[in-house]
């Protein structure tokens, strides 16, 4: 069984919290985001910095936005919508993992999702909710 590194993530999370920099963002953008180590089946970040690419669905304020995490898993599931190649890998959004994040978690922008694909994802989110 995979052992989650909550203590290491907590150190990273404290540094992220102390960071005063706010990233400017827009809907449709794809960012690497520090999602961290989460509970149970909640989507974690990966690697040493616990990051994962995400798509920004909607801005709520300068401090927060709604995101959908991406996965490169090939598993077919009704809660996963393929979005094409992101950062060199086939990717899908994980609809069930929609969440609000502080913009301090945004690390670096990868680009934009095309308008047609973004429209189909926002429709899938509305249908889910």
C-alpha atoms as a PDB file:
ATOM      1  CA  UNK A   1       0.000   0.000   0.000  1.00  0.00           C
ATOM      2  CA  UNK A   2       1.181   3.491  -0.867  1.00  0.00           C
ATOM      3  CA  UNK A   3       2.294   5.450   2.218  1.00  0.00           C
ATOM      4  CA  UNK A   4       1.255   9.090   2.096  1.00  0.00           C
ATOM      5  CA  UNK A   5       3.892  11.606   3.200  1.00  0.00           C
ATOM      6  CA  UNK A   6       1.699  13.969   5.228  1.00  0.00           C
ATOM      7  CA  UNK A   7       4.611  15.367   7.281  1.00  0.00           C
ATOM      8  CA  UNK A   8       6.675  16.311   4.210  1.00  0.00           C
ATOM      9  CA  UNK A   9       3.607  17.865   2.568  1.00  0.00           C
ATOM     10  CA  UNK A  10       2.897  19.854   5.740  1.00  0.00           C
ATOM     11  CA  UNK A  11       6.350  21.467   5.473  1.00  0.00           C
ATOM     12  CA  UNK A  12       5.664  22.393   1.825  1.00  0.00           C
ATOM     13  CA  UNK A  13       2.181  23.632   2.668  1.00  0.00           C
ATOM     14  CA  UNK A  14       3.513  25.977   5.343  1.00  0.00           C
ATOM     15  CA  UNK A  15       5.971  27.498   2.843  1.00  0.00           C
ATOM     16  CA  UNK A  16       3.195  27.928   0.261  1.00  0.00           C
ATOM     17  CA  UNK A  17       0.991  29.600   2.871  1.00  0.00           C
ATOM     18  CA  UNK A  18       3.756  32.059   3.829  1.00  0.00           C
ATOM     19  CA  UNK A  19       4.379  33.007   0.186  1.00  0.00           C
ATOM     20  CA  UNK A  20       2.944  36.484  -0.501  1.00  0.00           C
ATOM     21  CA  UNK A  21       2.983  36.136  -4.307  1.00  0.00           C
ATOM     22  CA  UNK A  22      -0.386  35.855  -6.042  1.00  0.00           C
ATOM     23  CA  UNK A  23      -0.475  34.472  -9.576  1.00  0.00           C
ATOM     24  CA  UNK A  24      -2.630  36.118 -12.220  1.00  0.00           C
ATOM     25  CA  UNK A  25      -4.763  33.510 -13.952  1.00  0.00           C
ATOM     26  CA  UNK A  26      -7.699  33.085 -16.335  1.00  0.00           C
ATOM     27  CA  UNK A  27     -10.260  30.382 -17.024  1.00  0.00           C
ATOM     28  CA  UNK A  28      -9.038  27.797 -19.601  1.00  0.00           C
ATOM     29  CA  UNK A  29      -5.442  28.048 -18.401  1.00  0.00           C
ATOM     30  CA  UNK A  30      -3.499  24.914 -17.534  1.00  0.00           C
ATOM     31  CA  UNK A  31      -1.157  25.218 -14.540  1.00  0.00           C
ATOM     32  CA  UNK A  32       1.084  23.020 -12.437  1.00  0.00           C
ATOM     33  CA  UNK A  33      -0.504  23.268  -8.992  1.00  0.00           C
ATOM     34  CA  UNK A  34       0.648  22.187  -5.519  1.00  0.00           C
ATOM     35  CA  UNK A  35      -2.300  19.955  -4.609  1.00  0.00           C
ATOM     36  CA  UNK A  36      -0.417  18.244  -1.812  1.00  0.00           C
ATOM     37  CA  UNK A  37      -1.157  15.031   0.010  1.00  0.00           C
ATOM     38  CA  UNK A  38      -4.846  14.575   0.650  1.00  0.00           C
ATOM     39  CA  UNK A  39      -7.129  12.204   2.515  1.00  0.00           C
ATOM     40  CA  UNK A  40      -8.233   8.835   1.129  1.00  0.00           C
ATOM     41  CA  UNK A  41      -9.345   8.953  -2.510  1.00  0.00           C
ATOM     42  CA  UNK A  42      -8.898  12.720  -2.884  1.00  0.00           C
ATOM     43  CA  UNK A  43      -6.474  13.470  -5.720  1.00  0.00           C
ATOM     44  CA  UNK A  44      -2.893  14.047  -4.553  1.00  0.00           C
ATOM     45  CA  UNK A  45      -0.114  15.960  -6.199  1.00  0.00           C
ATOM     46  CA  UNK A  46       2.892  13.899  -7.275  1.00  0.00           C
ATOM     47  CA  UNK A  47       6.652  14.128  -7.022  1.00  0.00           C
ATOM     48  CA  UNK A  48       8.752  15.825  -4.408  1.00  0.00           C
ATOM     49  CA  UNK A  49       6.640  19.002  -4.504  1.00  0.00           C
ATOM     50  CA  UNK A  50       3.252  17.208  -4.627  1.00  0.00           C
ATOM     51  CA  UNK A  51       2.194  18.963  -7.832  1.00  0.00           C
ATOM     52  CA  UNK A  52      -0.221  18.054 -10.610  1.00  0.00           C
ATOM     53  CA  UNK A  53      -1.432  19.854 -13.732  1.00  0.00           C
ATOM     54  CA  UNK A  54      -4.874  21.425 -13.401  1.00  0.00           C
ATOM     55  CA  UNK A  55      -7.279  23.365 -15.588  1.00  0.00           C
ATOM     56  CA  UNK A  56      -8.721  26.547 -14.170  1.00  0.00           C
ATOM     57  CA  UNK A  57     -12.482  26.391 -14.621  1.00  0.00           C
ATOM     58  CA  UNK A  58     -13.489  29.698 -13.038  1.00  0.00           C
ATOM     59  CA  UNK A  59     -11.934  32.514 -11.091  1.00  0.00           C
ATOM     60  CA  UNK A  60     -13.635  33.400  -7.832  1.00  0.00           C
ATOM     61  CA  UNK A  61     -11.307  36.186  -6.690  1.00  0.00           C
ATOM     62  CA  UNK A  62      -7.664  37.209  -6.894  1.00  0.00           C
ATOM     63  CA  UNK A  63      -7.027  34.660  -4.136  1.00  0.00           C
ATOM     64  CA  UNK A  64      -9.103  31.656  -5.232  1.00  0.00           C
ATOM     65  CA  UNK A  65     -10.214  29.744  -8.303  1.00  0.00           C
ATOM     66  CA  UNK A  66     -12.052  26.540  -9.181  1.00  0.00           C
ATOM     67  CA  UNK A  67      -9.842  23.870 -10.746  1.00  0.00           C
ATOM     68  CA  UNK A  68     -10.049  20.371 -12.178  1.00  0.00           C
ATOM     69  CA  UNK A  69      -6.996  18.132 -11.698  1.00  0.00           C
ATOM     70  CA  UNK A  70      -5.574  16.260 -14.671  1.00  0.00           C
ATOM     71  CA  UNK A  71      -4.420  12.661 -14.812  1.00  0.00           C
ATOM     72  CA  UNK A  72      -2.391  10.713 -17.331  1.00  0.00           C
ATOM     73  CA  UNK A  73      -4.038   7.458 -16.232  1.00  0.00           C
ATOM     74  CA  UNK A  74      -5.511   5.474 -19.137  1.00  0.00           C
ATOM     75  CA  UNK A  75      -8.350   4.185 -16.942  1.00  0.00           C
ATOM     76  CA  UNK A  76     -11.729   4.794 -18.595  1.00  0.00           C
ATOM     77  CA  UNK A  77     -14.280   6.218 -16.193  1.00  0.00           C
ATOM     78  CA  UNK A  78     -17.407   8.357 -16.595  1.00  0.00           C
ATOM     79  CA  UNK A  79     -15.813  10.995 -14.341  1.00  0.00           C
ATOM     80  CA  UNK A  80     -12.788  11.389 -16.641  1.00  0.00           C
ATOM     81  CA  UNK A  81     -12.876  13.462 -19.815  1.00  0.00           C
ATOM     82  CA  UNK A  82      -9.925  13.230 -22.223  1.00  0.00           C
ATOM     83  CA  UNK A  83      -8.423  16.626 -23.104  1.00  0.00           C
ATOM     84  CA  UNK A  84      -5.496  15.652 -25.347  1.00  0.00           C
ATOM     85  CA  UNK A  85      -1.762  16.131 -24.866  1.00  0.00           C
ATOM     86  CA  UNK A  86      -0.809  18.244 -21.849  1.00  0.00           C
ATOM     87  CA  UNK A  87       2.867  18.753 -21.022  1.00  0.00           C
ATOM     88  CA  UNK A  88       3.802  15.891 -23.360  1.00  0.00           C
ATOM     89  CA  UNK A  89       1.324  13.309 -22.022  1.00  0.00           C
ATOM     90  CA  UNK A  90      -2.218  12.212 -22.870  1.00  0.00           C
ATOM     91  CA  UNK A  91      -4.408  13.695 -20.149  1.00  0.00           C
ATOM     92  CA  UNK A  92      -7.945  13.630 -18.826  1.00  0.00           C
ATOM     93  CA  UNK A  93      -9.715  15.900 -16.346  1.00  0.00           C
ATOM     94  CA  UNK A  94     -11.051  14.224 -13.225  1.00  0.00           C
ATOM     95  CA  UNK A  95     -14.551  15.705 -12.892  1.00  0.00           C
ATOM     96  CA  UNK A  96     -15.156  14.200  -9.458  1.00  0.00           C
ATOM     97  CA  UNK A  97     -12.149  16.079  -8.029  1.00  0.00           C
ATOM     98  CA  UNK A  98     -13.341  19.631  -8.760  1.00  0.00           C
ATOM     99  CA  UNK A  99     -12.216  21.972  -5.989  1.00  0.00           C
ATOM    100  CA  UNK A 100     -11.387  25.492  -4.947  1.00  0.00           C
ATOM    101  CA  UNK A 101      -7.703  26.331  -4.446  1.00  0.00           C
ATOM    102  CA  UNK A 102      -5.836  29.392  -3.281  1.00  0.00           C
ATOM    103  CA  UNK A 103      -3.823  30.957  -6.089  1.00  0.00           C
ATOM    104  CA  UNK A 104      -0.709  30.580  -3.916  1.00  0.00           C
ATOM    105  CA  UNK A 105      -0.832  26.909  -4.956  1.00  0.00           C
ATOM    106  CA  UNK A 106      -0.370  27.777  -8.667  1.00  0.00           C
ATOM    107  CA  UNK A 107       3.236  27.069  -9.676  1.00  0.00           C
ATOM    108  CA  UNK A 108       3.663  27.761 -13.391  1.00  0.00           C
ATOM    109  CA  UNK A 109       1.385  28.119 -16.383  1.00  0.00           C
ATOM    110  CA  UNK A 110       1.604  25.477 -19.103  1.00  0.00           C
ATOM    111  CA  UNK A 111      -0.787  27.071 -21.590  1.00  0.00           C
ATOM    112  CA  UNK A 112      -4.462  27.182 -22.538  1.00  0.00           C
ATOM    113  CA  UNK A 113      -7.066  24.543 -23.272  1.00  0.00           C
ATOM    114  CA  UNK A 114      -8.759  25.192 -26.626  1.00  0.00           C
ATOM    115  CA  UNK A 115     -12.187  26.841 -26.423  1.00  0.00           C
ATOM    116  CA  UNK A 116     -14.151  23.906 -27.839  1.00  0.00           C
ATOM    117  CA  UNK A 117     -12.644  21.422 -25.371  1.00  0.00           C
ATOM    118  CA  UNK A 118     -13.096  23.885 -22.489  1.00  0.00           C
ATOM    119  CA  UNK A 119     -16.756  24.325 -23.437  1.00  0.00           C
ATOM    120  CA  UNK A 120     -17.321  20.566 -23.394  1.00  0.00           C
ATOM    121  CA  UNK A 121     -15.648  20.286 -19.980  1.00  0.00           C
ATOM    122  CA  UNK A 122     -17.691  23.121 -18.457  1.00  0.00           C
ATOM    123  CA  UNK A 123     -20.845  21.450 -19.802  1.00  0.00           C
ATOM    124  CA  UNK A 124     -19.776  18.153 -18.176  1.00  0.00           C
ATOM    125  CA  UNK A 125     -19.181  19.998 -14.875  1.00  0.00           C
ATOM    126  CA  UNK A 126     -22.642  21.617 -15.040  1.00  0.00           C
ATOM    127  CA  UNK A 127     -24.213  18.242 -15.793  1.00  0.00           C
ATOM    128  CA  UNK A 128     -22.380  16.748 -12.800  1.00  0.00           C
ATOM    129  CA  UNK A 129     -23.593  19.468 -10.453  1.00  0.00           C
END
